[in-house]
Every structure is written in C-alpha cells, then in structure tokens.
N, C-alpha and C. Protein backbone atom coordinates (compact mmCIF):
# COMPACT_ATOMS: atom_id res chain seq x y z
N MET A 1 -13.63 27.87 12.37
CA MET A 1 -12.91 26.74 12.91
C MET A 1 -13.52 26.38 14.26
N SER A 2 -13.64 25.10 14.50
CA SER A 2 -14.25 24.61 15.74
C SER A 2 -13.33 24.86 16.94
N ALA A 3 -13.93 25.14 18.08
CA ALA A 3 -13.16 25.33 19.30
C ALA A 3 -12.95 24.02 20.04
N LEU A 4 -13.56 22.92 19.57
CA LEU A 4 -13.39 21.63 20.22
C LEU A 4 -11.97 21.10 20.06
N PRO A 5 -11.44 20.42 21.06
CA PRO A 5 -10.13 19.78 20.89
C PRO A 5 -10.18 18.79 19.72
N LEU A 6 -9.06 18.59 19.07
CA LEU A 6 -9.02 17.74 17.89
C LEU A 6 -9.53 16.33 18.15
N THR A 7 -9.27 15.79 19.32
CA THR A 7 -9.69 14.41 19.60
C THR A 7 -11.20 14.26 19.68
N PHE A 8 -11.95 15.35 19.88
CA PHE A 8 -13.38 15.27 19.99
C PHE A 8 -14.11 15.58 18.68
N ARG A 9 -13.40 16.01 17.69
CA ARG A 9 -14.03 16.32 16.42
C ARG A 9 -14.41 15.03 15.71
N LYS A 10 -15.53 15.06 15.04
CA LYS A 10 -15.95 13.88 14.30
C LYS A 10 -15.06 13.66 13.08
N GLU A 11 -14.60 14.73 12.47
CA GLU A 11 -13.73 14.62 11.31
C GLU A 11 -12.59 15.61 11.45
N GLY A 12 -11.46 15.32 10.80
CA GLY A 12 -10.31 16.20 10.84
C GLY A 12 -9.09 15.53 11.45
N LEU A 13 -8.03 16.31 11.61
CA LEU A 13 -6.76 15.82 12.13
C LEU A 13 -6.92 15.32 13.57
N VAL A 14 -6.53 14.07 13.83
CA VAL A 14 -6.65 13.52 15.18
C VAL A 14 -5.32 13.10 15.78
N GLU A 15 -4.34 12.74 14.95
CA GLU A 15 -3.03 12.33 15.45
C GLU A 15 -1.94 12.75 14.48
N LYS A 16 -0.73 12.93 15.05
CA LYS A 16 0.48 13.11 14.25
C LYS A 16 1.47 12.06 14.71
N HIS A 17 2.02 11.33 13.75
CA HIS A 17 3.01 10.30 14.05
C HIS A 17 4.35 10.73 13.48
N GLN A 18 5.41 10.38 14.16
CA GLN A 18 6.76 10.64 13.67
C GLN A 18 7.20 9.40 12.91
N LEU A 19 7.74 9.60 11.71
CA LEU A 19 8.25 8.53 10.86
C LEU A 19 9.73 8.77 10.64
N GLU A 20 10.54 7.77 10.91
CA GLU A 20 11.98 7.84 10.67
C GLU A 20 12.38 6.66 9.81
N GLY A 21 13.46 6.84 9.05
CA GLY A 21 13.97 5.75 8.24
C GLY A 21 15.09 6.22 7.34
N VAL A 22 15.35 5.40 6.32
CA VAL A 22 16.40 5.69 5.34
C VAL A 22 15.76 5.66 3.96
N ASP A 23 16.01 6.72 3.18
CA ASP A 23 15.41 6.81 1.85
C ASP A 23 16.21 5.98 0.84
N PRO A 24 15.71 5.85 -0.40
CA PRO A 24 16.42 5.04 -1.40
C PRO A 24 17.82 5.55 -1.74
N SER A 25 18.12 6.82 -1.42
CA SER A 25 19.46 7.37 -1.66
C SER A 25 20.38 7.14 -0.47
N ASP A 26 19.92 6.34 0.51
CA ASP A 26 20.67 6.00 1.72
C ASP A 26 20.85 7.19 2.65
N ARG A 27 19.87 8.11 2.65
CA ARG A 27 19.87 9.25 3.56
C ARG A 27 18.83 9.03 4.64
N TYR A 28 19.19 9.36 5.88
CA TYR A 28 18.26 9.30 6.99
C TYR A 28 17.19 10.39 6.80
N PHE A 29 15.94 10.08 7.17
CA PHE A 29 14.89 11.09 7.10
C PHE A 29 13.98 10.99 8.31
N ASN A 30 13.25 12.07 8.56
CA ASN A 30 12.32 12.18 9.66
C ASN A 30 11.17 13.04 9.17
N ARG A 31 9.96 12.50 9.16
CA ARG A 31 8.79 13.24 8.67
C ARG A 31 7.59 12.99 9.57
N ALA A 32 6.57 13.81 9.41
CA ALA A 32 5.31 13.65 10.15
C ALA A 32 4.29 12.94 9.27
N ILE A 33 3.57 12.02 9.88
CA ILE A 33 2.40 11.40 9.25
C ILE A 33 1.19 12.04 9.90
N LEU A 34 0.34 12.63 9.10
CA LEU A 34 -0.88 13.28 9.59
C LEU A 34 -2.05 12.32 9.44
N VAL A 35 -2.70 11.99 10.55
CA VAL A 35 -3.82 11.04 10.54
C VAL A 35 -5.11 11.82 10.74
N ASN A 36 -6.03 11.63 9.81
CA ASN A 36 -7.32 12.32 9.84
C ASN A 36 -8.45 11.33 10.02
N ARG A 37 -9.48 11.77 10.73
CA ARG A 37 -10.70 10.98 10.84
C ARG A 37 -11.67 11.50 9.79
N SER A 38 -12.31 10.57 9.10
CA SER A 38 -13.31 10.94 8.12
C SER A 38 -14.57 10.12 8.38
N ALA A 39 -15.58 10.36 7.61
CA ALA A 39 -16.83 9.63 7.80
C ALA A 39 -16.64 8.13 7.59
N SER A 40 -15.64 7.73 6.79
CA SER A 40 -15.44 6.31 6.49
C SER A 40 -14.30 5.67 7.29
N GLY A 41 -13.69 6.37 8.23
CA GLY A 41 -12.61 5.78 9.03
C GLY A 41 -11.45 6.75 9.17
N TYR A 42 -10.23 6.22 9.09
CA TYR A 42 -9.02 7.01 9.23
C TYR A 42 -8.22 6.98 7.93
N THR A 43 -7.63 8.12 7.60
CA THR A 43 -6.72 8.21 6.46
C THR A 43 -5.46 8.92 6.94
N ALA A 44 -4.37 8.75 6.20
CA ALA A 44 -3.11 9.38 6.61
C ALA A 44 -2.39 9.90 5.38
N LYS A 45 -1.48 10.85 5.64
CA LYS A 45 -0.73 11.49 4.56
C LYS A 45 0.68 11.75 5.06
N VAL A 46 1.65 11.53 4.18
CA VAL A 46 3.05 11.84 4.47
C VAL A 46 3.65 12.50 3.23
N MET A 47 4.52 13.48 3.46
CA MET A 47 5.21 14.16 2.37
C MET A 47 6.71 14.00 2.55
N TYR A 48 7.38 13.60 1.46
CA TYR A 48 8.84 13.49 1.48
C TYR A 48 9.36 14.12 0.20
N GLU A 49 9.98 15.27 0.34
CA GLU A 49 10.42 16.07 -0.81
C GLU A 49 9.25 16.24 -1.76
N ALA A 50 9.33 15.83 -3.02
CA ALA A 50 8.23 16.02 -3.96
C ALA A 50 7.20 14.88 -3.91
N LEU A 51 7.47 13.86 -3.10
CA LEU A 51 6.60 12.70 -3.00
C LEU A 51 5.52 12.95 -1.93
N VAL A 52 4.26 12.75 -2.32
CA VAL A 52 3.15 12.85 -1.38
C VAL A 52 2.38 11.54 -1.47
N LEU A 53 2.28 10.84 -0.33
CA LEU A 53 1.54 9.58 -0.28
C LEU A 53 0.36 9.72 0.66
N GLU A 54 -0.77 9.15 0.24
CA GLU A 54 -1.96 9.14 1.07
C GLU A 54 -2.46 7.71 1.16
N SER A 55 -2.99 7.37 2.31
CA SER A 55 -3.55 6.03 2.50
C SER A 55 -5.01 6.02 2.09
N GLY A 56 -5.52 4.81 1.94
CA GLY A 56 -6.95 4.64 1.80
C GLY A 56 -7.58 4.74 3.19
N SER A 57 -8.86 4.52 3.27
CA SER A 57 -9.56 4.58 4.55
C SER A 57 -9.43 3.25 5.29
N HIS A 58 -9.15 3.33 6.59
CA HIS A 58 -9.02 2.15 7.44
C HIS A 58 -9.84 2.35 8.70
N SER A 59 -10.19 1.24 9.34
CA SER A 59 -10.97 1.32 10.58
C SER A 59 -10.09 1.64 11.78
N THR A 60 -8.76 1.52 11.63
CA THR A 60 -7.84 1.81 12.73
C THR A 60 -6.74 2.77 12.27
N VAL A 61 -6.19 3.51 13.23
CA VAL A 61 -5.06 4.38 12.94
C VAL A 61 -3.85 3.55 12.54
N SER A 62 -3.62 2.45 13.24
CA SER A 62 -2.45 1.62 12.92
C SER A 62 -2.52 1.06 11.50
N GLY A 63 -3.71 0.75 11.03
CA GLY A 63 -3.87 0.25 9.66
C GLY A 63 -3.51 1.29 8.62
N THR A 64 -3.88 2.52 8.86
CA THR A 64 -3.58 3.58 7.90
C THR A 64 -2.09 3.92 7.90
N VAL A 65 -1.46 3.92 9.10
CA VAL A 65 -0.02 4.19 9.17
C VAL A 65 0.74 3.05 8.50
N ARG A 66 0.31 1.82 8.74
CA ARG A 66 0.97 0.66 8.14
C ARG A 66 0.91 0.72 6.61
N GLU A 67 -0.21 1.16 6.07
CA GLU A 67 -0.32 1.26 4.60
C GLU A 67 0.72 2.23 4.05
N LEU A 68 0.91 3.36 4.70
CA LEU A 68 1.92 4.32 4.22
C LEU A 68 3.33 3.73 4.31
N VAL A 69 3.63 3.03 5.40
CA VAL A 69 4.94 2.39 5.54
C VAL A 69 5.14 1.37 4.42
N ASP A 70 4.12 0.56 4.14
CA ASP A 70 4.21 -0.42 3.06
C ASP A 70 4.47 0.25 1.71
N LYS A 71 3.78 1.36 1.45
CA LYS A 71 3.98 2.07 0.18
C LYS A 71 5.41 2.60 0.08
N LEU A 72 5.92 3.16 1.17
CA LEU A 72 7.30 3.67 1.16
C LEU A 72 8.30 2.54 0.97
N GLN A 73 8.07 1.41 1.64
CA GLN A 73 8.97 0.27 1.47
C GLN A 73 8.96 -0.21 0.03
N GLY A 74 7.82 -0.17 -0.62
CA GLY A 74 7.73 -0.54 -2.02
C GLY A 74 8.53 0.38 -2.93
N LEU A 75 8.80 1.59 -2.46
CA LEU A 75 9.60 2.55 -3.23
C LEU A 75 11.08 2.52 -2.85
N GLY A 76 11.46 1.61 -1.94
CA GLY A 76 12.86 1.46 -1.58
C GLY A 76 13.28 2.07 -0.26
N PHE A 77 12.34 2.58 0.52
CA PHE A 77 12.66 3.11 1.85
C PHE A 77 12.89 1.95 2.81
N THR A 78 13.81 2.09 3.76
CA THR A 78 14.15 1.02 4.68
C THR A 78 14.28 1.54 6.11
N ARG A 79 14.47 0.60 7.03
CA ARG A 79 14.71 0.87 8.45
C ARG A 79 13.72 1.88 9.05
N MET A 80 12.46 1.68 8.74
CA MET A 80 11.45 2.64 9.19
C MET A 80 10.88 2.28 10.55
N ARG A 81 10.52 3.33 11.28
CA ARG A 81 9.84 3.19 12.55
C ARG A 81 8.96 4.40 12.75
N THR A 82 7.91 4.22 13.56
CA THR A 82 6.98 5.30 13.84
C THR A 82 6.64 5.33 15.32
N ARG A 83 6.15 6.48 15.78
CA ARG A 83 5.56 6.61 17.10
C ARG A 83 4.60 7.80 17.07
N VAL A 84 3.64 7.76 17.96
CA VAL A 84 2.67 8.86 18.06
C VAL A 84 3.35 10.04 18.73
N ASN A 85 3.27 11.20 18.09
CA ASN A 85 3.78 12.43 18.69
C ASN A 85 2.68 13.25 19.34
N PHE A 86 1.52 13.33 18.67
CA PHE A 86 0.40 14.11 19.17
C PHE A 86 -0.90 13.33 19.02
N LYS A 87 -1.72 13.37 20.06
CA LYS A 87 -3.12 12.93 19.98
C LYS A 87 -3.90 14.19 20.26
N GLY A 88 -4.56 14.70 19.23
CA GLY A 88 -5.18 16.02 19.36
C GLY A 88 -4.07 17.03 19.55
N SER A 89 -4.15 17.83 20.59
CA SER A 89 -3.11 18.82 20.84
C SER A 89 -2.15 18.36 21.95
N ARG A 90 -2.35 17.15 22.44
CA ARG A 90 -1.53 16.61 23.54
C ARG A 90 -0.25 15.98 23.00
N TYR A 91 0.90 16.44 23.47
CA TYR A 91 2.21 15.95 23.05
C TYR A 91 2.53 14.67 23.80
N LEU A 92 2.87 13.60 23.06
CA LEU A 92 3.09 12.29 23.67
C LEU A 92 4.43 11.65 23.33
N ALA A 93 5.19 12.19 22.43
CA ALA A 93 6.31 11.47 21.82
C ALA A 93 7.25 10.81 22.82
N GLU A 94 7.59 11.47 23.88
CA GLU A 94 8.55 10.88 24.80
C GLU A 94 7.93 9.78 25.65
N LYS A 95 6.61 9.68 25.65
CA LYS A 95 5.92 8.66 26.43
C LYS A 95 5.57 7.43 25.59
N GLU A 96 5.56 7.57 24.31
CA GLU A 96 5.14 6.48 23.43
C GLU A 96 6.33 5.67 22.94
N SER A 97 6.11 4.39 22.73
CA SER A 97 7.16 3.50 22.22
C SER A 97 7.22 3.56 20.70
N TRP A 98 8.40 3.31 20.17
CA TRP A 98 8.58 3.21 18.72
C TRP A 98 8.02 1.89 18.23
N ILE A 99 7.48 1.91 17.03
CA ILE A 99 7.06 0.69 16.34
C ILE A 99 8.02 0.53 15.16
N ASP A 100 8.78 -0.56 15.16
CA ASP A 100 9.73 -0.83 14.09
C ASP A 100 9.07 -1.70 13.02
N TYR A 101 9.40 -1.42 11.77
CA TYR A 101 8.84 -2.17 10.64
C TYR A 101 9.98 -2.90 9.95
N ALA A 102 9.84 -4.21 9.84
CA ALA A 102 10.87 -5.01 9.18
C ALA A 102 10.93 -4.64 7.70
N ASP A 103 12.16 -4.57 7.18
CA ASP A 103 12.33 -4.26 5.76
C ASP A 103 11.76 -5.39 4.92
N GLN A 104 11.21 -5.01 3.76
CA GLN A 104 10.70 -6.02 2.82
C GLN A 104 11.87 -6.63 2.09
N PRO A 105 11.79 -7.93 1.84
CA PRO A 105 12.91 -8.58 1.12
C PRO A 105 13.03 -8.14 -0.32
C-alpha cells in the first residue's frame, strides 16, 4: 500500500461524500458515496442494503455524484442531499455546505 496521502495518488479513493435522503419505503437514510480516481476520470459507488450502484466515468467529482443521485431518484428515492466528508484523509463535513437535489417529477 502506498504511503502517499489519498489526494496525491493517481488512482484510488480520493473523496467520501455523505448522502442523505428518503428511500422508497419512506425511511430516512444516510450513506457514504466513495469517489475514486481512475485513469479515465472519476467514478463513485454507493451501497444501500442489497442495492449497489456505481457511476460511469466522469471528468468531475460532481458529475459522478450527480449520476448516482439521478439513479437513486429513478428508483424512487427522494429528498436527497450530499456534502463532502473527506478529501483524502482530511475531514471536512462540518465545513462543507450541503448540495440539495430537487426530486424528479
């Protein structure tokens, strides 16, 4: 394993985002979105119970997080918001603003 901080690695986990919302059963949930850097850009992954969703590759972190939110909304998840919790090993959650996503009609 590399001794370099995560933010300096060319590939691997670079950020963790907190995702909150309401699932299709009308239960509140809170999960982590793991954002990885790869040779082709950024990808992200979120797990909710038995559901595992992964994004395609995007040139920005926000694009990959948005894709996961869109996929969850397509499955009936609502009232979602995200914020960055970690950049590399640096904890940021209380300093970062929430990004709210409007529910799909």
